[in-house]
Amino acid sequence: MGMDGRNWETFLLPYEQTVEELKVKFKTMRSELKKREEYAPIEFVTGRVKRITSILEKAERLDVPLDNLEEGIEDIAGIRIMCQFVEDIRRVAEYIRARKDLTVLYEKDYITNYKESGYRSFHMIIRYPVQTALEQKIVLAEIQIRTLAMNFWATIEHSLNYKYRGGLPGDMRLRLQKSAQAASVLDSEMSSIREEILDAQKLFEDDANIVSTLLKTIHRLYAYHLVAEAVAYQAKFGELFQARDFEGMKQMMAEIKAIIASKHEEDPEEYEG
């Protein structure tokens, strides 16, 4: 593949490292925001290094000389951030602009001005200092921010274009445009019921937390040798869970905690479960 005699494997190393590092950074951002704000604008993060054939094809298409790939091809390292709502895309972009560990060179907003094909996505081209084993190298990378609907559509479009190699049959192009509109409508629908969706998700998370905490609390009864009580509460929990009676679960938790506290007073030394 080394048309210009370069060692492609070593050429791609800093890009591979960049993708790995940025994935970790955005995944960490996701979990941190979830803890701070109970809601993370990021659903999930993926990344890839462009395939050598794709790099060469793009260089040919854009007339980039092979000795200028580092500057001429901006998406050798690519990160994709998926969001639940269109509104989240702007928020994520804000967070990225404010970061001190990368520099945003420019942005391409294909959401307000989507491409004729129907493609919708928000791209940021960044400079990223990557510390390799030997030196610090400044590389370009592309961050794409999309909703799940945009991503679903773009994935289909990409594989069809690959299959037809740029010569998409007319009816196929029309169907793609139609499904792009459908994806766009879906995003607007999601946005209009955004508050309800977020409330429901938060409720679900609270309920899930009650369940896991209660089960752990019941389990602690065993540590205090209260086997009969533990078995009884477990059966009771089964009924409450089937009825999805979360209030009942909260009461049960209070009861068990009181039992454990009184046991603790009787004999504080013995039971450190």
Protein backbone atom coordinates (compact mmCIF):
# COMPACT_ATOMS: atom_id res chain seq x y z
CA MET A 1 0.00 0.00 0.00
CA GLY A 2 2.99 2.30 0.55
CA MET A 3 2.57 4.20 -2.70
CA ASP A 4 4.93 6.85 -1.45
CA GLY A 5 7.10 4.36 0.39
CA ARG A 6 5.92 5.35 3.84
CA ASN A 7 5.45 2.89 6.69
CA TRP A 8 1.69 3.16 7.06
CA GLU A 9 1.64 1.32 10.35
CA THR A 10 3.84 3.87 12.12
CA PHE A 11 2.16 6.75 10.24
CA LEU A 12 -1.21 5.76 11.74
CA LEU A 13 0.05 5.17 15.31
CA PRO A 14 -0.53 8.72 16.63
CA TYR A 15 -4.01 8.69 15.08
CA GLU A 16 -4.86 5.40 16.77
CA GLN A 17 -3.70 6.82 20.08
CA THR A 18 -5.70 10.02 19.52
CA VAL A 19 -8.89 8.05 18.91
CA GLU A 20 -8.36 5.95 22.06
CA GLU A 21 -7.61 9.01 24.21
CA LEU A 22 -10.54 11.06 22.95
CA LYS A 23 -12.93 8.13 23.43
CA VAL A 24 -11.87 7.89 27.07
CA LYS A 25 -12.21 11.66 27.55
CA PHE A 26 -15.73 11.86 26.15
CA LYS A 27 -16.89 8.72 27.96
CA THR A 28 -15.58 10.24 31.18
CA MET A 29 -17.35 13.50 30.34
CA ARG A 30 -20.55 11.52 29.93
CA SER A 31 -20.38 9.83 33.32
CA GLU A 32 -19.28 13.02 35.07
CA LEU A 33 -22.18 15.04 33.66
CA LYS A 34 -24.57 12.26 34.60
CA LYS A 35 -23.40 12.48 38.21
CA ARG A 36 -23.37 16.27 38.31
CA GLU A 37 -26.60 17.02 36.47
CA GLU A 38 -28.49 13.71 36.51
CA TYR A 39 -28.55 13.96 32.74
CA ALA A 40 -25.78 13.52 30.24
CA PRO A 41 -26.22 15.02 26.77
CA ILE A 42 -24.08 12.14 25.47
CA GLU A 43 -25.64 8.71 24.79
CA PHE A 44 -22.47 6.96 23.66
CA VAL A 45 -19.13 7.54 21.98
CA THR A 46 -17.39 5.63 19.19
CA GLY A 47 -14.23 6.25 17.21
CA ARG A 48 -12.26 4.94 14.27
CA VAL A 49 -9.07 5.46 12.31
CA LYS A 50 -9.70 5.93 8.58
CA ARG A 51 -8.73 2.95 6.45
CA ILE A 52 -5.66 3.41 4.25
CA THR A 53 -7.68 2.89 1.05
CA SER A 54 -10.17 5.57 2.17
CA ILE A 55 -7.32 7.97 2.98
CA LEU A 56 -5.81 7.51 -0.49
CA GLU A 57 -9.19 7.82 -2.23
CA LYS A 58 -9.97 11.02 -0.37
CA ALA A 59 -6.52 12.45 -1.12
CA GLU A 60 -7.11 11.74 -4.79
CA ARG A 61 -10.59 13.30 -4.71
CA LEU A 62 -9.41 16.48 -2.94
CA ASP A 63 -6.08 16.73 -4.81
CA VAL A 64 -4.09 16.41 -1.60
CA PRO A 65 -0.44 15.54 -2.31
CA LEU A 66 0.66 12.41 -0.43
CA ASP A 67 3.32 14.33 1.47
CA ASN A 68 0.61 16.57 2.94
CA LEU A 69 -1.84 13.99 4.33
CA GLU A 70 -1.41 15.22 7.92
CA GLU A 71 -2.79 18.66 7.05
CA GLY A 72 -4.88 17.80 3.99
CA ILE A 73 -7.02 14.95 5.37
CA GLU A 74 -8.72 16.11 8.53
CA ASP A 75 -10.58 12.96 9.52
CA ILE A 76 -7.88 10.28 9.70
CA ALA A 77 -8.80 10.22 13.40
CA GLY A 78 -12.59 10.29 13.79
CA ILE A 79 -14.75 10.44 16.91
CA ARG A 80 -18.52 10.14 16.85
CA ILE A 81 -20.66 11.35 19.73
CA MET A 82 -24.29 10.21 19.79
CA CYS A 83 -26.94 12.30 21.54
CA GLN A 84 -30.55 11.69 22.47
CA PHE A 85 -31.88 15.11 21.42
CA VAL A 86 -30.93 17.68 18.77
CA GLU A 87 -30.60 20.25 21.61
CA ASP A 88 -27.85 18.12 23.15
CA ILE A 89 -25.65 18.58 20.08
CA ARG A 90 -25.21 22.29 20.80
CA ARG A 91 -24.46 21.58 24.45
CA VAL A 92 -21.82 19.00 23.62
CA ALA A 93 -20.26 21.40 21.10
CA GLU A 94 -20.11 24.07 23.83
CA TYR A 95 -18.31 21.69 26.18
CA ILE A 96 -15.81 20.80 23.44
CA ARG A 97 -15.11 24.47 22.57
CA ALA A 98 -14.35 25.18 26.23
CA ARG A 99 -11.79 22.37 26.58
CA LYS A 100 -8.14 23.22 27.13
CA ASP A 101 -6.73 19.91 25.87
CA LEU A 102 -7.68 20.49 22.22
CA THR A 103 -8.24 23.40 19.84
CA VAL A 104 -11.28 23.71 17.60
CA LEU A 105 -10.16 24.85 14.14
CA TYR A 106 -13.58 25.12 12.56
CA GLU A 107 -17.07 23.67 12.55
CA LYS A 108 -19.33 22.36 9.81
CA ASP A 109 -23.00 22.53 10.71
CA TYR A 110 -24.94 20.13 8.50
CA ILE A 111 -27.97 20.32 10.79
CA THR A 112 -29.19 23.82 10.00
CA ASN A 113 -27.83 23.49 6.45
CA TYR A 114 -28.14 19.83 5.69
CA LYS A 115 -26.69 18.35 2.55
CA GLU A 116 -28.91 17.70 -0.45
CA SER A 117 -28.67 13.96 0.20
CA GLY A 118 -30.40 14.48 3.54
CA TYR A 119 -27.24 14.06 5.64
CA ARG A 120 -27.50 15.80 9.03
CA SER A 121 -24.61 15.99 11.46
CA PHE A 122 -22.43 18.50 13.28
CA HIS A 123 -18.68 18.29 12.61
CA MET A 124 -15.83 19.87 14.53
CA ILE A 125 -12.29 19.75 13.19
CA ILE A 126 -9.80 19.92 16.03
CA ARG A 127 -6.08 20.00 16.66
CA TYR A 128 -5.06 17.54 19.33
CA PRO A 129 -1.64 17.25 20.96
CA VAL A 130 -0.89 13.56 21.33
CA GLN A 131 2.08 12.44 23.39
CA THR A 132 3.58 9.45 21.58
CA ALA A 133 6.38 7.32 23.00
CA LEU A 134 8.91 9.53 21.24
CA GLU A 135 7.49 13.04 20.98
CA GLN A 136 4.48 15.25 21.20
CA LYS A 137 2.69 15.33 17.86
CA ILE A 138 -0.12 17.71 16.91
CA VAL A 139 -2.70 15.86 14.83
CA LEU A 140 -6.00 16.81 13.24
CA ALA A 141 -9.13 14.91 14.19
CA GLU A 142 -12.81 15.17 13.32
CA ILE A 143 -15.56 14.99 15.92
CA GLN A 144 -19.03 14.23 14.56
CA ILE A 145 -21.97 14.90 16.85
CA ARG A 146 -25.29 13.34 15.86
CA THR A 147 -28.59 12.19 17.24
CA LEU A 148 -29.36 8.46 17.09
CA ALA A 149 -31.82 9.09 14.22
CA MET A 150 -29.19 11.00 12.22
CA ASN A 151 -26.68 8.25 12.85
CA PHE A 152 -29.11 5.52 11.82
CA TRP A 153 -29.78 7.30 8.55
CA ALA A 154 -26.13 8.17 7.82
CA THR A 155 -25.06 4.57 8.38
CA ILE A 156 -27.57 3.32 5.79
CA GLU A 157 -26.58 6.04 3.34
CA HIS A 158 -22.91 5.25 3.76
CA SER A 159 -23.30 1.54 3.07
CA LEU A 160 -25.54 2.16 0.03
CA ASN A 161 -23.08 4.66 -1.42
CA TYR A 162 -20.31 2.18 -0.85
CA LYS A 163 -22.28 -0.55 -2.60
CA TYR A 164 -23.19 1.65 -5.60
CA ARG A 165 -19.86 3.49 -5.59
CA GLY A 166 -21.31 6.97 -5.92
CA GLY A 167 -23.76 6.03 -8.70
CA LEU A 168 -26.92 5.72 -6.59
CA PRO A 169 -29.99 4.85 -8.72
CA GLY A 170 -32.56 7.69 -8.77
CA ASP A 171 -35.35 5.85 -6.97
CA MET A 172 -32.89 4.82 -4.27
CA ARG A 173 -31.78 8.43 -3.84
CA LEU A 174 -35.40 9.51 -3.49
CA ARG A 175 -36.10 6.85 -0.88
CA LEU A 176 -33.03 7.95 1.05
CA GLN A 177 -34.21 11.56 1.02
CA LYS A 178 -37.62 10.44 2.26
CA SER A 179 -36.11 8.46 5.12
CA ALA A 180 -33.88 11.43 5.96
CA GLN A 181 -37.03 13.54 6.33
CA ALA A 182 -38.54 10.82 8.51
CA ALA A 183 -35.44 10.84 10.73
CA SER A 184 -35.70 14.61 10.98
CA VAL A 185 -39.37 14.42 11.98
CA LEU A 186 -38.48 11.82 14.60
CA ASP A 187 -35.89 14.20 16.08
CA SER A 188 -38.46 17.02 16.25
CA GLU A 189 -40.96 14.70 17.94
CA MET A 190 -38.31 13.66 20.46
CA SER A 191 -37.54 17.32 21.17
CA SER A 192 -41.19 18.23 21.68
CA ILE A 193 -41.66 15.56 24.36
CA ARG A 194 -38.14 15.97 25.72
CA GLU A 195 -39.23 16.97 29.24
CA GLU A 196 -41.55 13.96 29.58
CA ILE A 197 -38.86 11.61 28.30
CA LEU A 198 -36.32 13.00 30.76
CA ASP A 199 -38.75 12.76 33.68
CA ALA A 200 -39.61 9.18 32.80
CA GLN A 201 -35.94 8.24 32.53
CA LYS A 202 -35.14 9.86 35.86
CA LEU A 203 -38.06 8.07 37.49
CA PHE A 204 -36.91 4.78 36.03
CA GLU A 205 -33.43 5.37 37.39
CA ASP A 206 -34.73 6.26 40.86
CA ASP A 207 -36.88 3.12 40.88
CA ALA A 208 -33.98 0.98 39.72
CA ASN A 209 -31.89 2.44 42.54
CA ILE A 210 -34.56 1.68 45.14
CA VAL A 211 -34.70 -1.94 43.96
CA SER A 212 -30.94 -2.50 44.12
CA THR A 213 -30.55 -0.73 47.48
CA LEU A 214 -33.45 -2.69 48.97
CA LEU A 215 -32.02 -6.01 47.81
CA LYS A 216 -28.65 -5.16 49.33
CA THR A 217 -30.37 -4.15 52.57
CA ILE A 218 -32.31 -7.45 52.72
CA HIS A 219 -29.05 -9.23 52.09
CA ARG A 220 -27.47 -7.52 55.09
CA LEU A 221 -30.00 -9.33 57.34
CA TYR A 222 -28.13 -12.55 56.60
CA ALA A 223 -24.95 -10.96 57.92
CA TYR A 224 -26.81 -10.39 61.19
CA HIS A 225 -27.95 -14.05 61.20
CA LEU A 226 -31.57 -12.92 60.79
CA VAL A 227 -32.26 -15.65 58.25
CA ALA A 228 -36.00 -16.05 58.86
CA GLU A 229 -36.51 -12.28 58.56
CA ALA A 230 -34.43 -12.13 55.40
CA VAL A 231 -36.45 -14.93 53.77
CA ALA A 232 -39.74 -13.27 54.79
CA TYR A 233 -38.68 -9.88 53.46
CA GLN A 234 -37.45 -11.43 50.24
CA ALA A 235 -40.87 -12.99 49.65
CA LYS A 236 -42.54 -9.68 50.49
CA PHE A 237 -40.17 -7.92 48.09
CA GLY A 238 -41.29 -10.29 45.32
CA GLU A 239 -44.89 -9.19 45.79
CA LEU A 240 -43.99 -5.49 45.94
CA PHE A 241 -41.88 -5.74 42.83
CA GLN A 242 -44.61 -7.46 40.84
CA ALA A 243 -46.98 -4.68 41.82
CA ARG A 244 -44.21 -2.11 41.11
CA ASP A 245 -45.05 -0.69 44.54
CA PHE A 246 -42.05 1.59 45.07
CA GLU A 247 -43.63 3.36 48.06
CA GLY A 248 -44.06 -0.01 49.75
CA MET A 249 -40.41 -0.76 49.00
CA LYS A 250 -39.32 2.48 50.65
CA GLN A 251 -41.30 1.59 53.80
CA MET A 252 -39.82 -1.88 53.84
CA MET A 253 -36.34 -0.41 53.59
CA ALA A 254 -37.02 1.79 56.64
CA GLU A 255 -38.27 -1.24 58.60
CA ILE A 256 -35.21 -3.34 57.81
CA LYS A 257 -32.85 -0.48 58.60
CA ALA A 258 -34.55 -0.09 62.01
CA ILE A 259 -34.08 -3.84 62.71
CA ILE A 260 -30.41 -3.65 61.73
CA ALA A 261 -29.89 -0.54 63.88
CA SER A 262 -31.42 -2.22 66.95
CA LYS A 263 -29.29 -5.33 66.38
CA HIS A 264 -26.30 -3.06 66.10
CA GLU A 265 -27.04 -1.52 69.50
CA GLU A 266 -27.40 -4.92 71.18
CA ASP A 267 -24.01 -6.04 70.00
CA PRO A 268 -22.11 -3.38 68.09
CA GLU A 269 -18.88 -5.35 67.97
CA GLU A 270 -19.92 -8.61 66.48
CA TYR A 271 -21.67 -7.75 63.26
CA GLU A 272 -19.55 -5.75 60.88
CA GLY A 273 -21.14 -7.10 57.70
